[in-house]
N, C-alpha and C. Protein backbone atom coordinates (compact mmCIF):
# COMPACT_ATOMS: atom_id res chain seq x y z
N SER A 1 0.79 -1.21 -0.02
CA SER A 1 -0.01 -0.01 -0.02
C SER A 1 0.81 1.30 0.00
N PRO A 2 2.11 1.27 -0.26
CA PRO A 2 2.90 2.54 -0.28
C PRO A 2 2.33 3.59 -1.17
N LYS A 3 1.92 3.22 -2.39
CA LYS A 3 1.35 4.18 -3.28
C LYS A 3 0.06 4.76 -2.81
N LEU A 4 -0.75 3.91 -2.14
CA LEU A 4 -2.00 4.45 -1.54
C LEU A 4 -1.70 5.47 -0.46
N VAL A 5 -0.70 5.20 0.35
CA VAL A 5 -0.35 6.09 1.46
C VAL A 5 0.13 7.44 0.82
N LYS A 6 0.91 7.36 -0.26
CA LYS A 6 1.39 8.54 -0.92
C LYS A 6 0.19 9.34 -1.46
N ASN A 7 -0.75 8.68 -2.04
CA ASN A 7 -1.95 9.38 -2.54
C ASN A 7 -2.77 10.07 -1.43
N LEU A 8 -2.86 9.35 -0.30
CA LEU A 8 -3.60 9.93 0.88
C LEU A 8 -2.85 11.15 1.34
N ILE A 9 -1.55 11.07 1.45
CA ILE A 9 -0.79 12.23 1.95
C ILE A 9 -0.93 13.42 0.95
N ALA A 10 -0.89 13.10 -0.31
CA ALA A 10 -1.06 14.17 -1.36
C ALA A 10 -2.44 14.83 -1.19
N SER A 11 -3.48 14.03 -0.93
CA SER A 11 -4.79 14.61 -0.80
C SER A 11 -4.91 15.50 0.46
N LEU A 12 -4.26 15.12 1.53
CA LEU A 12 -4.25 15.95 2.72
C LEU A 12 -3.51 17.26 2.52
N ILE A 13 -2.35 17.17 1.91
CA ILE A 13 -1.51 18.35 1.70
C ILE A 13 -2.25 19.34 0.77
N ALA A 14 -2.96 18.80 -0.24
CA ALA A 14 -3.67 19.64 -1.18
C ALA A 14 -4.80 20.48 -0.54
N MET A 15 -5.25 20.03 0.60
CA MET A 15 -6.35 20.69 1.23
C MET A 15 -5.97 22.09 1.84
N GLU A 16 -4.67 22.30 2.06
CA GLU A 16 -4.17 23.55 2.54
C GLU A 16 -5.00 24.04 3.74
N PHE A 17 -4.97 23.24 4.83
CA PHE A 17 -5.67 23.63 6.02
C PHE A 17 -5.24 24.96 6.51
N SER A 18 -6.11 25.74 7.18
CA SER A 18 -5.77 26.99 7.73
C SER A 18 -5.24 26.87 9.14
N TRP A 19 -5.19 25.65 9.65
CA TRP A 19 -4.67 25.45 10.97
C TRP A 19 -3.42 24.51 10.93
N GLN A 20 -2.67 24.52 11.96
CA GLN A 20 -1.50 23.63 12.01
C GLN A 20 -1.89 22.23 12.16
N TYR A 21 -1.18 21.29 11.53
CA TYR A 21 -1.42 19.90 11.62
C TYR A 21 -0.14 19.17 11.40
N GLU A 22 -0.17 17.87 11.77
CA GLU A 22 0.97 17.01 11.55
C GLU A 22 0.41 15.73 10.88
N ILE A 23 1.25 15.11 10.04
CA ILE A 23 0.97 13.87 9.51
C ILE A 23 1.96 12.83 10.04
N ILE A 24 1.39 11.79 10.66
CA ILE A 24 2.20 10.78 11.23
C ILE A 24 1.95 9.48 10.51
N VAL A 25 2.93 8.85 9.92
CA VAL A 25 2.74 7.58 9.22
C VAL A 25 3.50 6.50 9.97
N VAL A 26 2.75 5.43 10.31
CA VAL A 26 3.38 4.33 11.03
C VAL A 26 3.40 3.17 9.99
N ASP A 27 4.60 2.80 9.68
CA ASP A 27 4.83 1.66 8.71
C ASP A 27 5.26 0.44 9.48
N ASN A 28 4.37 -0.57 9.54
CA ASN A 28 4.70 -1.77 10.23
C ASN A 28 5.18 -2.87 9.25
N GLY A 29 5.45 -2.46 7.97
CA GLY A 29 5.90 -3.41 6.98
C GLY A 29 7.45 -3.50 7.01
N LYS A 30 8.11 -2.40 7.50
CA LYS A 30 9.56 -2.34 7.66
C LYS A 30 10.34 -2.73 6.37
N SER A 31 9.79 -2.48 5.21
CA SER A 31 10.48 -2.82 3.97
C SER A 31 11.29 -1.70 3.41
N GLY A 32 11.05 -0.49 3.93
CA GLY A 32 11.71 0.69 3.38
C GLY A 32 11.08 1.27 2.15
N ILE A 33 10.14 0.48 1.57
CA ILE A 33 9.47 0.94 0.34
C ILE A 33 8.66 2.21 0.64
N LEU A 34 7.96 2.22 1.69
CA LEU A 34 7.06 3.38 2.04
C LEU A 34 7.91 4.62 2.18
N ALA A 35 9.05 4.48 2.84
CA ALA A 35 9.95 5.70 3.01
C ALA A 35 10.36 6.24 1.64
N LYS A 36 10.65 5.39 0.65
CA LYS A 36 10.97 5.82 -0.65
C LYS A 36 9.79 6.54 -1.34
N GLU A 37 8.61 5.98 -1.19
CA GLU A 37 7.40 6.54 -1.84
C GLU A 37 7.10 7.96 -1.36
N ILE A 38 7.27 8.19 -0.04
CA ILE A 38 6.89 9.46 0.52
C ILE A 38 8.04 10.45 0.80
N LYS A 39 9.13 10.07 0.22
CA LYS A 39 10.36 10.87 0.40
C LYS A 39 10.18 12.38 0.08
N SER A 40 9.41 12.59 -0.93
CA SER A 40 9.21 14.03 -1.36
C SER A 40 8.38 14.85 -0.42
N TYR A 41 7.72 14.19 0.50
CA TYR A 41 6.89 14.83 1.48
C TYR A 41 7.55 14.84 2.89
N SER A 42 8.84 14.59 2.93
CA SER A 42 9.50 14.40 4.22
C SER A 42 9.36 15.56 5.21
N SER A 43 9.22 16.81 4.68
CA SER A 43 9.11 17.92 5.55
C SER A 43 7.66 18.00 6.18
N TYR A 44 6.70 17.34 5.58
CA TYR A 44 5.33 17.38 6.06
C TYR A 44 4.94 16.21 7.03
N ILE A 45 5.75 15.16 6.96
CA ILE A 45 5.29 13.98 7.72
C ILE A 45 6.37 13.47 8.67
N LYS A 46 5.89 12.70 9.64
CA LYS A 46 6.81 11.98 10.55
C LYS A 46 6.57 10.48 10.19
N LEU A 47 7.62 9.80 9.79
CA LEU A 47 7.46 8.39 9.42
C LEU A 47 8.18 7.55 10.50
N TYR A 48 7.46 6.58 10.99
CA TYR A 48 7.96 5.62 11.99
C TYR A 48 7.82 4.24 11.46
N GLU A 49 8.97 3.55 11.42
CA GLU A 49 8.91 2.12 11.04
C GLU A 49 8.97 1.30 12.31
N VAL A 50 7.93 0.48 12.54
CA VAL A 50 7.82 -0.32 13.73
C VAL A 50 7.60 -1.75 13.40
N GLU A 51 7.86 -2.59 14.37
CA GLU A 51 7.56 -4.02 14.21
C GLU A 51 6.08 -4.26 14.07
N ASN A 52 5.69 -5.16 13.21
CA ASN A 52 4.28 -5.44 13.02
C ASN A 52 3.67 -6.23 14.14
N LYS A 53 2.95 -5.49 15.05
CA LYS A 53 2.28 -6.15 16.11
C LYS A 53 0.78 -5.98 16.01
N GLY A 54 0.30 -5.70 14.81
CA GLY A 54 -1.12 -5.58 14.56
C GLY A 54 -1.57 -4.16 14.35
N TYR A 55 -2.82 -4.07 13.83
CA TYR A 55 -3.40 -2.82 13.45
C TYR A 55 -3.50 -1.85 14.66
N ALA A 56 -4.03 -2.33 15.77
CA ALA A 56 -4.21 -1.45 16.95
C ALA A 56 -2.89 -0.92 17.45
N HIS A 57 -1.86 -1.78 17.45
CA HIS A 57 -0.52 -1.29 17.94
C HIS A 57 0.01 -0.18 17.12
N GLY A 58 -0.15 -0.27 15.80
CA GLY A 58 0.31 0.81 14.95
C GLY A 58 -0.43 2.12 15.22
N ASN A 59 -1.73 2.01 15.37
CA ASN A 59 -2.55 3.23 15.65
C ASN A 59 -2.17 3.83 17.00
N ASN A 60 -2.02 2.96 18.02
CA ASN A 60 -1.68 3.51 19.34
C ASN A 60 -0.29 4.14 19.34
N PHE A 61 0.62 3.52 18.61
CA PHE A 61 1.97 4.12 18.49
C PHE A 61 1.91 5.48 17.88
N GLY A 62 1.16 5.66 16.80
CA GLY A 62 1.01 6.95 16.14
C GLY A 62 0.35 7.98 17.09
N ILE A 63 -0.69 7.54 17.79
CA ILE A 63 -1.38 8.44 18.73
C ILE A 63 -0.45 8.93 19.81
N CYS A 64 0.37 8.02 20.29
CA CYS A 64 1.37 8.46 21.35
C CYS A 64 2.39 9.49 20.82
N LYS A 65 2.69 9.48 19.50
CA LYS A 65 3.60 10.42 18.96
C LYS A 65 2.94 11.78 18.58
N ALA A 66 1.60 11.78 18.49
CA ALA A 66 0.87 12.97 18.10
C ALA A 66 0.98 14.06 19.16
N LYS A 67 0.99 15.29 18.70
CA LYS A 67 1.03 16.41 19.62
C LYS A 67 -0.26 17.24 19.67
N GLY A 68 -1.17 17.01 18.69
CA GLY A 68 -2.35 17.83 18.59
C GLY A 68 -3.49 17.37 19.51
N ASP A 69 -4.52 18.17 19.57
CA ASP A 69 -5.70 17.91 20.35
C ASP A 69 -6.70 16.95 19.70
N TYR A 70 -6.64 16.91 18.33
CA TYR A 70 -7.51 16.02 17.58
C TYR A 70 -6.71 15.05 16.80
N ILE A 71 -7.21 13.85 16.62
CA ILE A 71 -6.52 12.80 15.87
C ILE A 71 -7.53 12.16 14.93
N ALA A 72 -7.05 11.99 13.70
CA ALA A 72 -7.84 11.21 12.74
C ALA A 72 -6.99 10.05 12.29
N ILE A 73 -7.51 8.88 12.41
CA ILE A 73 -6.78 7.62 11.96
C ILE A 73 -7.35 7.33 10.59
N LEU A 74 -6.45 7.36 9.62
CA LEU A 74 -6.86 7.11 8.22
C LEU A 74 -6.14 5.89 7.67
N ASN A 75 -6.88 5.03 7.05
CA ASN A 75 -6.31 3.84 6.37
C ASN A 75 -5.72 4.29 5.02
N PRO A 76 -4.77 3.54 4.49
CA PRO A 76 -4.14 4.00 3.22
C PRO A 76 -5.12 4.07 2.03
N ASP A 77 -6.25 3.40 2.07
CA ASP A 77 -7.13 3.45 0.91
C ASP A 77 -8.12 4.54 0.92
N ILE A 78 -7.85 5.57 1.81
CA ILE A 78 -8.73 6.74 1.96
C ILE A 78 -8.21 7.84 1.03
N TYR A 79 -9.14 8.54 0.34
CA TYR A 79 -8.81 9.75 -0.41
C TYR A 79 -9.74 10.81 0.14
N ILE A 80 -9.14 11.91 0.59
CA ILE A 80 -9.89 13.01 1.17
C ILE A 80 -10.23 14.08 0.07
N LYS A 81 -11.51 14.30 -0.07
CA LYS A 81 -11.92 15.35 -1.02
C LYS A 81 -11.77 16.70 -0.40
N GLN A 82 -11.50 17.72 -1.31
CA GLN A 82 -11.39 19.10 -0.80
C GLN A 82 -12.53 19.51 0.09
N GLU A 83 -12.24 20.13 1.17
CA GLU A 83 -13.21 20.63 2.16
C GLU A 83 -13.96 19.56 2.85
N ALA A 84 -13.52 18.26 2.83
CA ALA A 84 -14.21 17.23 3.54
C ALA A 84 -13.98 17.27 5.00
N ILE A 85 -12.83 17.83 5.39
CA ILE A 85 -12.62 18.00 6.82
C ILE A 85 -12.71 19.47 7.18
N ILE A 86 -13.57 19.76 8.15
CA ILE A 86 -13.79 21.17 8.51
C ILE A 86 -13.40 21.38 10.00
N LYS A 87 -13.11 22.66 10.26
CA LYS A 87 -12.84 23.03 11.65
C LYS A 87 -13.68 24.24 11.93
N ASP A 88 -14.60 24.10 12.93
CA ASP A 88 -15.52 25.20 13.19
C ASP A 88 -15.80 25.21 14.70
N PHE A 89 -15.67 26.30 15.36
CA PHE A 89 -15.93 26.43 16.80
C PHE A 89 -15.23 25.37 17.63
N GLY A 90 -13.91 25.11 17.29
CA GLY A 90 -13.16 24.19 18.09
C GLY A 90 -13.43 22.68 17.80
N TYR A 91 -14.30 22.45 16.79
CA TYR A 91 -14.59 21.05 16.43
C TYR A 91 -14.01 20.75 15.06
N ILE A 92 -13.39 19.60 14.93
CA ILE A 92 -12.95 19.15 13.61
C ILE A 92 -13.77 17.95 13.25
N GLY A 93 -14.36 17.98 12.06
CA GLY A 93 -15.22 16.87 11.71
C GLY A 93 -15.25 16.69 10.20
N VAL A 94 -16.07 15.78 9.78
CA VAL A 94 -16.22 15.46 8.33
C VAL A 94 -17.53 15.98 7.87
N LYS A 95 -17.57 16.64 6.73
CA LYS A 95 -18.86 17.13 6.15
C LYS A 95 -19.69 15.99 5.68
């Protein structure tokens, strides 16, 4: 799924949010392929390669690294449409 992750990251960056955000990618495949695919976005994302201990472990690892107040867990096969994520009155949600 490295190409899917790259597409997801591209769709997030294209949204040009008006607030600060971070993108954390947890790669439990440890093949190095994902790092090569998203190399061009290195300044936008934090990539962690971890041992594959299951889906929940990867999510929890990423959550522990996050610094923000809100967290969205997105699978690689997600594509975010423009303005699909909104922030209004302190709430971040999906239209």
